[in-house]
């Protein structure tokens, strides 16, 4: 009498293939979520939008007169520190830097290393004695930013 042995193949799930797929999916998800988090944190997605906006007491002034510049700081909810570098137009003089530092010629800078919150900084400049235009430019970085951002808002004062 011959024994009838049948060899059965396992028709159950292929666990090594499933594990490999799960690991691949997790790696892709992790990479994408980190890229999205960096992008979204730079735009303030995880809290209020972070930005710095400039405004002037007047956008048209007499030659040799003063203009007050206001920077409105709006950090995102997860940002605790930032740095600001406001570049003064050529030929203008700093009359009052407010709480900013003028250690570097042609710049007013602010650095906050903790407890960032919505605030404003003001400074006063005296325009040149001749007519023209003063173009303002500044940059900033909040915690979590990977590149410098340009200060938004008004950027030109006409000197008559």
N, C-alpha and C. Protein backbone atom coordinates (compact mmCIF):
# COMPACT_ATOMS: atom_id res chain seq x y z
N UNK A 1 0.82 -1.17 0.00
CA UNK A 1 0.00 0.00 0.00
C UNK A 1 0.88 1.25 0.00
N UNK A 2 0.66 2.10 -0.94
CA UNK A 2 1.42 3.34 -1.08
C UNK A 2 0.73 4.46 -0.32
N UNK A 3 1.54 5.20 0.39
CA UNK A 3 0.97 6.35 1.11
C UNK A 3 0.77 7.48 0.13
N UNK A 4 -0.36 8.07 0.19
CA UNK A 4 -0.69 9.19 -0.69
C UNK A 4 -0.42 10.49 0.05
N UNK A 5 0.76 11.02 -0.19
CA UNK A 5 1.12 12.27 0.47
C UNK A 5 0.95 13.41 -0.52
N UNK A 6 0.16 14.28 -0.14
CA UNK A 6 0.00 15.47 -0.98
C UNK A 6 0.72 16.63 -0.32
N UNK A 7 1.45 17.37 -1.13
CA UNK A 7 2.17 18.53 -0.61
C UNK A 7 1.31 19.77 -0.86
N UNK A 8 0.91 20.38 0.19
CA UNK A 8 0.09 21.58 0.07
C UNK A 8 0.99 22.81 0.14
N UNK A 9 0.73 23.79 -0.71
CA UNK A 9 1.44 25.07 -0.62
C UNK A 9 0.62 26.00 0.25
N UNK A 10 1.31 26.87 0.94
CA UNK A 10 0.64 27.82 1.82
C UNK A 10 -0.04 28.88 0.96
N UNK A 11 -1.32 28.93 0.97
CA UNK A 11 -2.05 29.93 0.20
C UNK A 11 -2.41 31.14 1.06
N UNK A 12 -1.82 31.23 2.26
CA UNK A 12 -2.07 32.37 3.15
C UNK A 12 -1.31 33.60 2.70
N UNK A 13 -1.39 34.66 3.46
CA UNK A 13 -0.75 35.92 3.07
C UNK A 13 0.76 35.80 3.06
N UNK A 14 1.38 36.54 2.18
CA UNK A 14 2.83 36.61 2.08
C UNK A 14 3.28 37.75 2.99
N UNK A 15 3.63 37.40 4.23
CA UNK A 15 3.93 38.41 5.24
C UNK A 15 5.18 39.23 4.91
N UNK A 16 6.15 38.64 4.28
CA UNK A 16 7.35 39.42 3.95
C UNK A 16 7.03 40.47 2.90
N UNK A 17 6.16 40.15 1.96
CA UNK A 17 5.76 41.14 0.94
C UNK A 17 4.95 42.26 1.59
N UNK A 18 4.04 41.92 2.49
CA UNK A 18 3.22 42.93 3.18
C UNK A 18 4.12 43.84 4.03
N UNK A 19 5.05 43.23 4.77
CA UNK A 19 5.95 44.02 5.62
C UNK A 19 6.79 44.97 4.77
N UNK A 20 7.28 44.49 3.63
CA UNK A 20 8.06 45.34 2.73
C UNK A 20 7.25 46.51 2.22
N UNK A 21 6.00 46.26 1.87
CA UNK A 21 5.12 47.33 1.37
C UNK A 21 4.85 48.36 2.45
N UNK A 22 4.60 47.88 3.68
CA UNK A 22 4.33 48.79 4.79
C UNK A 22 5.56 49.66 5.07
N UNK A 23 6.75 49.07 5.05
CA UNK A 23 7.97 49.83 5.30
C UNK A 23 8.19 50.87 4.20
N UNK A 24 7.98 50.48 2.94
CA UNK A 24 8.12 51.41 1.83
C UNK A 24 7.13 52.57 1.97
N UNK A 25 5.88 52.27 2.26
CA UNK A 25 4.86 53.30 2.44
C UNK A 25 5.24 54.24 3.58
N UNK A 26 5.71 53.68 4.69
CA UNK A 26 6.09 54.51 5.86
C UNK A 26 7.25 55.43 5.51
N UNK A 27 8.24 54.92 4.77
CA UNK A 27 9.39 55.75 4.39
C UNK A 27 8.96 56.90 3.49
N UNK A 28 8.11 56.61 2.51
CA UNK A 28 7.63 57.67 1.61
C UNK A 28 6.81 58.68 2.39
N UNK A 29 5.91 58.21 3.26
CA UNK A 29 5.08 59.12 4.05
C UNK A 29 5.94 60.00 4.94
N UNK A 30 6.95 59.43 5.58
CA UNK A 30 7.83 60.20 6.46
C UNK A 30 8.57 61.28 5.68
N UNK A 31 9.11 60.91 4.52
CA UNK A 31 9.84 61.89 3.71
C UNK A 31 8.93 63.02 3.25
N UNK A 32 7.74 62.68 2.78
CA UNK A 32 6.80 63.72 2.33
C UNK A 32 6.32 64.58 3.48
N UNK A 33 6.03 63.97 4.62
CA UNK A 33 5.51 64.76 5.74
C UNK A 33 6.55 65.74 6.25
N UNK A 34 7.84 65.36 6.23
CA UNK A 34 8.89 66.29 6.64
C UNK A 34 9.00 67.44 5.65
N UNK A 35 8.94 67.15 4.36
CA UNK A 35 8.99 68.22 3.35
C UNK A 35 7.79 69.14 3.47
N UNK A 36 6.62 68.56 3.67
CA UNK A 36 5.41 69.39 3.83
C UNK A 36 5.48 70.23 5.09
N UNK A 37 6.00 69.65 6.17
CA UNK A 37 6.08 70.40 7.44
C UNK A 37 6.99 71.60 7.29
N UNK A 38 8.13 71.44 6.60
CA UNK A 38 9.03 72.57 6.40
C UNK A 38 8.34 73.64 5.57
N UNK A 39 7.72 73.23 4.46
CA UNK A 39 7.03 74.19 3.60
C UNK A 39 5.91 74.88 4.34
N UNK A 40 5.10 74.10 5.05
CA UNK A 40 3.94 74.68 5.72
C UNK A 40 4.35 75.52 6.92
N UNK A 41 5.44 75.17 7.61
CA UNK A 41 5.85 76.01 8.74
C UNK A 41 6.37 77.35 8.25
N UNK A 42 6.99 77.38 7.07
CA UNK A 42 7.45 78.65 6.51
C UNK A 42 6.29 79.56 6.13
N UNK A 43 5.14 78.98 5.84
CA UNK A 43 3.99 79.79 5.47
C UNK A 43 3.08 80.05 6.67
N UNK A 44 3.45 79.52 7.83
CA UNK A 44 2.64 79.74 9.02
C UNK A 44 1.42 78.85 9.08
N UNK A 45 1.39 77.76 8.32
CA UNK A 45 0.22 76.90 8.27
C UNK A 45 -0.16 76.37 9.64
N UNK A 46 0.85 76.08 10.48
CA UNK A 46 0.58 75.48 11.77
C UNK A 46 0.19 76.51 12.82
N UNK A 47 -0.06 77.71 12.43
CA UNK A 47 -0.50 78.77 13.33
C UNK A 47 -0.84 79.96 12.48
N UNK A 48 -0.88 81.11 13.10
CA UNK A 48 -1.15 82.33 12.34
C UNK A 48 -0.04 82.53 11.31
N UNK A 49 -0.36 83.09 10.16
CA UNK A 49 0.69 83.32 9.17
C UNK A 49 1.78 84.23 9.73
N UNK A 50 3.02 83.83 9.50
CA UNK A 50 4.10 84.67 10.00
C UNK A 50 4.49 85.66 8.92
N UNK A 51 4.69 86.88 9.34
CA UNK A 51 5.05 87.92 8.38
C UNK A 51 5.53 89.16 9.11
N UNK A 52 6.25 89.97 8.37
CA UNK A 52 6.62 91.31 8.84
C UNK A 52 6.20 92.27 7.74
N UNK A 53 5.48 93.29 8.16
CA UNK A 53 4.94 94.26 7.20
C UNK A 53 5.41 95.66 7.58
N UNK A 54 5.84 96.42 6.57
CA UNK A 54 6.34 97.78 6.77
C UNK A 54 5.28 98.79 6.37
N UNK A 55 5.20 99.88 7.13
CA UNK A 55 4.33 101.01 6.76
C UNK A 55 5.04 102.31 7.13
N UNK A 56 4.63 103.39 6.46
CA UNK A 56 5.25 104.70 6.67
C UNK A 56 4.23 105.68 7.23
N UNK A 57 4.72 106.68 7.97
CA UNK A 57 3.84 107.75 8.45
C UNK A 57 3.33 108.56 7.26
N UNK A 58 4.12 108.61 6.18
CA UNK A 58 3.71 109.27 4.95
C UNK A 58 4.54 108.69 3.81
N UNK A 59 3.93 108.51 2.65
CA UNK A 59 4.68 107.97 1.51
C UNK A 59 5.24 109.08 0.62
N UNK A 60 4.99 110.36 1.00
CA UNK A 60 5.51 111.50 0.26
C UNK A 60 5.86 112.59 1.27
N UNK A 61 7.15 112.99 1.30
CA UNK A 61 7.60 113.97 2.29
C UNK A 61 8.47 115.04 1.63
N UNK A 62 8.63 116.16 2.33
CA UNK A 62 9.50 117.24 1.87
C UNK A 62 10.96 116.83 2.07
N UNK A 63 11.84 117.31 1.18
CA UNK A 63 13.27 117.03 1.30
C UNK A 63 13.77 117.49 2.67
N UNK A 64 14.61 116.65 3.30
CA UNK A 64 15.18 116.98 4.60
C UNK A 64 14.26 116.74 5.77
N UNK A 65 13.06 116.21 5.54
CA UNK A 65 12.14 115.96 6.66
C UNK A 65 12.17 114.49 7.08
N UNK A 66 11.45 114.20 8.16
CA UNK A 66 11.47 112.87 8.76
C UNK A 66 10.29 112.02 8.32
N UNK A 67 10.52 110.72 8.36
CA UNK A 67 9.45 109.75 8.15
C UNK A 67 9.59 108.70 9.25
N UNK A 68 8.46 108.29 9.80
CA UNK A 68 8.45 107.23 10.79
C UNK A 68 8.08 105.93 10.08
N UNK A 69 8.89 104.92 10.31
CA UNK A 69 8.68 103.61 9.69
C UNK A 69 8.23 102.66 10.80
N UNK A 70 7.18 101.91 10.51
CA UNK A 70 6.68 100.93 11.47
C UNK A 70 6.76 99.54 10.86
N UNK A 71 7.35 98.62 11.61
CA UNK A 71 7.37 97.21 11.22
C UNK A 71 6.42 96.47 12.14
N UNK A 72 5.43 95.81 11.56
CA UNK A 72 4.47 95.01 12.34
C UNK A 72 4.90 93.56 12.25
N UNK A 73 5.19 92.98 13.40
CA UNK A 73 5.71 91.62 13.49
C UNK A 73 4.56 90.68 13.85
N UNK A 74 4.36 89.66 13.01
CA UNK A 74 3.30 88.67 13.25
C UNK A 74 3.90 87.27 13.16
N UNK A 75 4.49 86.77 14.25
CA UNK A 75 5.08 85.43 14.20
C UNK A 75 4.00 84.36 14.24
N UNK A 76 4.28 83.22 13.61
CA UNK A 76 3.37 82.07 13.71
C UNK A 76 3.34 81.57 15.15
N UNK A 77 2.36 80.77 15.47
CA UNK A 77 2.18 80.29 16.84
C UNK A 77 3.36 79.46 17.35
N UNK A 78 4.08 78.80 16.47
CA UNK A 78 5.18 77.93 16.91
C UNK A 78 6.54 78.59 16.84
N UNK A 79 6.59 79.89 16.61
CA UNK A 79 7.87 80.57 16.48
C UNK A 79 8.18 81.36 17.74
N UNK A 80 9.38 81.11 18.29
CA UNK A 80 9.75 81.81 19.51
C UNK A 80 10.88 82.81 19.30
N UNK A 81 11.56 82.74 18.16
CA UNK A 81 12.65 83.70 17.92
C UNK A 81 12.68 84.11 16.46
N UNK A 82 13.33 85.26 16.22
CA UNK A 82 13.46 85.78 14.86
C UNK A 82 14.58 86.80 14.79
N UNK A 83 14.97 87.13 13.54
CA UNK A 83 15.95 88.18 13.28
C UNK A 83 15.44 89.03 12.12
N UNK A 84 15.64 90.34 12.23
CA UNK A 84 15.20 91.29 11.20
C UNK A 84 16.38 92.17 10.82
N UNK A 85 16.54 92.41 9.52
CA UNK A 85 17.58 93.30 9.03
C UNK A 85 16.93 94.27 8.05
N UNK A 86 16.75 95.51 8.48
CA UNK A 86 16.15 96.55 7.64
C UNK A 86 17.28 97.40 7.07
N UNK A 87 17.31 97.52 5.75
CA UNK A 87 18.37 98.25 5.06
C UNK A 87 17.88 99.66 4.75
N UNK A 88 18.65 100.64 5.20
CA UNK A 88 18.27 102.05 5.07
C UNK A 88 18.62 102.55 3.65
N UNK A 89 17.71 103.30 3.02
CA UNK A 89 18.02 103.83 1.68
C UNK A 89 19.28 104.70 1.72
N UNK A 90 20.04 104.64 0.65
CA UNK A 90 21.26 105.43 0.53
C UNK A 90 20.94 106.93 0.64
N UNK A 91 21.73 107.64 1.43
CA UNK A 91 21.55 109.09 1.60
C UNK A 91 20.62 109.46 2.75
N UNK A 92 19.92 108.51 3.33
CA UNK A 92 19.03 108.77 4.47
C UNK A 92 19.81 108.59 5.75
N UNK A 93 19.39 109.29 6.82
CA UNK A 93 20.06 109.16 8.11
C UNK A 93 19.08 108.67 9.16
N UNK A 94 19.63 107.89 10.08
CA UNK A 94 18.83 107.38 11.19
C UNK A 94 18.75 108.47 12.26
N UNK A 95 17.54 108.94 12.52
CA UNK A 95 17.33 109.94 13.58
C UNK A 95 17.06 109.23 14.90
N UNK A 96 16.28 108.15 14.85
CA UNK A 96 15.94 107.39 16.06
C UNK A 96 15.72 105.94 15.64
N UNK A 97 16.58 105.04 16.09
CA UNK A 97 16.48 103.62 15.72
C UNK A 97 15.48 102.86 16.59
N UNK A 98 14.83 103.54 17.49
CA UNK A 98 13.91 102.83 18.39
C UNK A 98 14.69 101.80 19.18
N UNK A 99 14.21 100.57 19.21
CA UNK A 99 14.90 99.50 19.94
C UNK A 99 15.85 98.71 19.05
N UNK A 100 16.02 99.14 17.80
CA UNK A 100 16.90 98.44 16.86
C UNK A 100 18.35 98.79 17.07
N UNK A 101 19.21 97.95 16.55
CA UNK A 101 20.66 98.16 16.62
C UNK A 101 21.15 98.79 15.33
N UNK A 102 22.02 99.79 15.47
CA UNK A 102 22.64 100.43 14.30
C UNK A 102 24.14 100.12 14.26
N UNK A 103 24.53 98.99 14.81
CA UNK A 103 25.94 98.62 14.86
C UNK A 103 26.54 98.45 13.47
N UNK A 104 25.72 98.14 12.47
CA UNK A 104 26.19 97.99 11.10
C UNK A 104 25.67 99.17 10.29
N UNK A 105 26.58 99.91 9.67
CA UNK A 105 26.22 101.10 8.89
C UNK A 105 25.20 100.74 7.82
N UNK A 106 24.15 101.58 7.71
CA UNK A 106 23.14 101.37 6.69
C UNK A 106 22.08 100.34 7.03
N UNK A 107 22.10 99.82 8.26
CA UNK A 107 21.15 98.79 8.69
C UNK A 107 20.59 99.13 10.06
N UNK A 108 19.35 98.69 10.28
CA UNK A 108 18.79 98.64 11.64
C UNK A 108 18.37 97.19 11.82
N UNK A 109 18.82 96.59 12.93
CA UNK A 109 18.57 95.17 13.15
C UNK A 109 17.92 94.92 14.50
N UNK A 110 17.07 93.90 14.50
CA UNK A 110 16.44 93.41 15.71
C UNK A 110 16.62 91.91 15.77
N UNK A 111 16.91 91.40 16.96
CA UNK A 111 17.00 89.96 17.17
C UNK A 111 16.23 89.65 18.45
N UNK A 112 15.31 88.72 18.35
CA UNK A 112 14.56 88.27 19.53
C UNK A 112 14.84 86.79 19.69
N UNK A 113 15.30 86.39 20.89
CA UNK A 113 15.70 85.00 21.09
C UNK A 113 14.71 84.18 21.91
N UNK A 114 13.63 84.79 22.36
CA UNK A 114 12.60 84.02 23.07
C UNK A 114 11.31 84.81 23.15
N UNK A 115 10.22 84.11 23.35
CA UNK A 115 8.90 84.70 23.60
C UNK A 115 8.41 85.62 22.48
N UNK A 116 8.58 85.21 21.24
CA UNK A 116 8.10 86.02 20.11
C UNK A 116 6.58 86.16 20.19
N UNK A 117 6.11 87.36 19.98
CA UNK A 117 4.67 87.62 19.95
C UNK A 117 4.43 88.80 19.01
N UNK A 118 3.17 89.02 18.69
CA UNK A 118 2.83 90.12 17.80
C UNK A 118 3.26 91.43 18.46
N UNK A 119 3.98 92.25 17.70
CA UNK A 119 4.47 93.52 18.23
C UNK A 119 4.78 94.46 17.06
N UNK A 120 5.16 95.67 17.38
CA UNK A 120 5.61 96.62 16.35
C UNK A 120 6.93 97.24 16.78
N UNK A 121 7.73 97.57 15.78
CA UNK A 121 8.95 98.34 15.99
C UNK A 121 8.83 99.60 15.14
N UNK A 122 9.26 100.71 15.68
CA UNK A 122 9.26 101.95 14.90
C UNK A 122 10.66 102.56 14.93
N UNK A 123 10.97 103.22 13.84
CA UNK A 123 12.20 103.98 13.77
C UNK A 123 11.94 105.21 12.91
N UNK A 124 12.79 106.23 13.07
CA UNK A 124 12.61 107.50 12.36
C UNK A 124 13.86 107.77 11.53
N UNK A 125 13.63 108.12 10.25
CA UNK A 125 14.72 108.48 9.35
C UNK A 125 14.53 109.90 8.86
N UNK A 126 15.64 110.55 8.54
CA UNK A 126 15.61 111.86 7.90
C UNK A 126 15.99 111.67 6.45
N UNK A 127 15.16 112.23 5.56
CA UNK A 127 15.40 112.08 4.12
C UNK A 127 16.54 112.99 3.67
N UNK A 128 17.09 112.71 2.49
CA UNK A 128 18.12 113.60 1.95
C UNK A 128 17.56 114.99 1.66
N UNK A 129 18.45 115.94 1.45
CA UNK A 129 18.05 117.33 1.19
C UNK A 129 17.58 117.55 -0.24
N UNK A 130 17.66 116.54 -1.07
CA UNK A 130 17.22 116.70 -2.46
C UNK A 130 16.08 115.73 -2.78
N UNK A 131 15.32 116.09 -3.80
CA UNK A 131 14.17 115.27 -4.20
C UNK A 131 14.63 113.93 -4.76
N UNK A 132 13.76 112.96 -4.67
CA UNK A 132 14.06 111.62 -5.19
C UNK A 132 13.13 110.60 -4.56
N UNK A 133 13.53 109.37 -4.63
CA UNK A 133 12.74 108.28 -4.04
C UNK A 133 13.63 107.47 -3.11
N UNK A 134 13.10 107.12 -1.97
CA UNK A 134 13.79 106.25 -1.03
C UNK A 134 13.18 104.86 -1.12
N UNK A 135 13.96 103.89 -1.55
CA UNK A 135 13.48 102.52 -1.65
C UNK A 135 13.96 101.74 -0.44
N UNK A 136 13.01 101.16 0.28
CA UNK A 136 13.30 100.42 1.50
C UNK A 136 13.31 98.93 1.19
N UNK A 137 14.21 98.23 1.86
CA UNK A 137 14.31 96.78 1.69
C UNK A 137 14.73 96.18 3.01
N UNK A 138 14.14 95.05 3.35
CA UNK A 138 14.52 94.36 4.58
C UNK A 138 14.22 92.89 4.47
N UNK A 139 14.92 92.12 5.27
CA UNK A 139 14.73 90.67 5.30
C UNK A 139 14.54 90.21 6.74
N UNK A 140 14.00 89.02 6.89
CA UNK A 140 13.81 88.45 8.21
C UNK A 140 13.77 86.94 8.13
N UNK A 141 13.97 86.31 9.28
CA UNK A 141 13.80 84.87 9.41
C UNK A 141 13.17 84.59 10.77
N UNK A 142 12.12 83.79 10.75
CA UNK A 142 11.53 83.28 11.98
C UNK A 142 12.09 81.89 12.24
N UNK A 143 11.96 81.44 13.46
CA UNK A 143 12.33 80.08 13.81
C UNK A 143 11.66 79.12 12.82
N UNK A 144 12.42 78.18 12.33
CA UNK A 144 11.87 77.18 11.42
C UNK A 144 12.01 77.53 9.95
N UNK A 145 12.29 78.80 9.64
CA UNK A 145 12.49 79.17 8.23
C UNK A 145 13.83 78.62 7.75
N UNK A 146 13.86 78.24 6.50
CA UNK A 146 15.11 77.77 5.92
C UNK A 146 15.70 78.79 4.96
N UNK A 147 14.93 79.83 4.63
CA UNK A 147 15.42 80.90 3.77
C UNK A 147 14.94 82.24 4.31
N UNK A 148 15.67 83.29 3.94
CA UNK A 148 15.27 84.63 4.34
C UNK A 148 13.99 85.02 3.62
N UNK A 149 13.16 85.79 4.29
CA UNK A 149 11.91 86.30 3.72
C UNK A 149 12.05 87.81 3.55
N UNK A 150 11.39 88.36 2.55
CA UNK A 150 11.41 89.80 2.32
C UNK A 150 10.29 90.47 3.11
N UNK A 151 10.61 91.60 3.75
CA UNK A 151 9.59 92.34 4.49
C UNK A 151 8.56 92.86 3.50
N UNK A 152 7.31 92.65 3.82
CA UNK A 152 6.19 93.03 2.95
C UNK A 152 5.73 94.45 3.26
N UNK A 153 4.75 94.92 2.52
CA UNK A 153 4.15 96.23 2.77
C UNK A 153 4.77 97.32 1.92
N UNK A 154 4.68 98.54 2.43
CA UNK A 154 5.19 99.69 1.68
C UNK A 154 6.71 99.61 1.55
N UNK A 155 7.23 100.11 0.43
CA UNK A 155 8.68 100.03 0.24
C UNK A 155 9.28 101.31 -0.39
N UNK A 156 8.45 102.32 -0.65
CA UNK A 156 9.00 103.52 -1.28
C UNK A 156 8.41 104.79 -0.69
N UNK A 157 9.30 105.78 -0.44
CA UNK A 157 8.89 107.11 0.00
C UNK A 157 9.40 108.10 -1.03
N UNK A 158 8.50 108.95 -1.50
CA UNK A 158 8.88 110.01 -2.45
C UNK A 158 9.30 111.23 -1.68
N UNK A 159 10.46 111.77 -2.03
CA UNK A 159 10.97 113.00 -1.41
C UNK A 159 10.79 114.13 -2.43
N UNK A 160 10.00 115.17 -2.02
CA UNK A 160 9.70 116.28 -2.93
C UNK A 160 10.63 117.46 -2.68
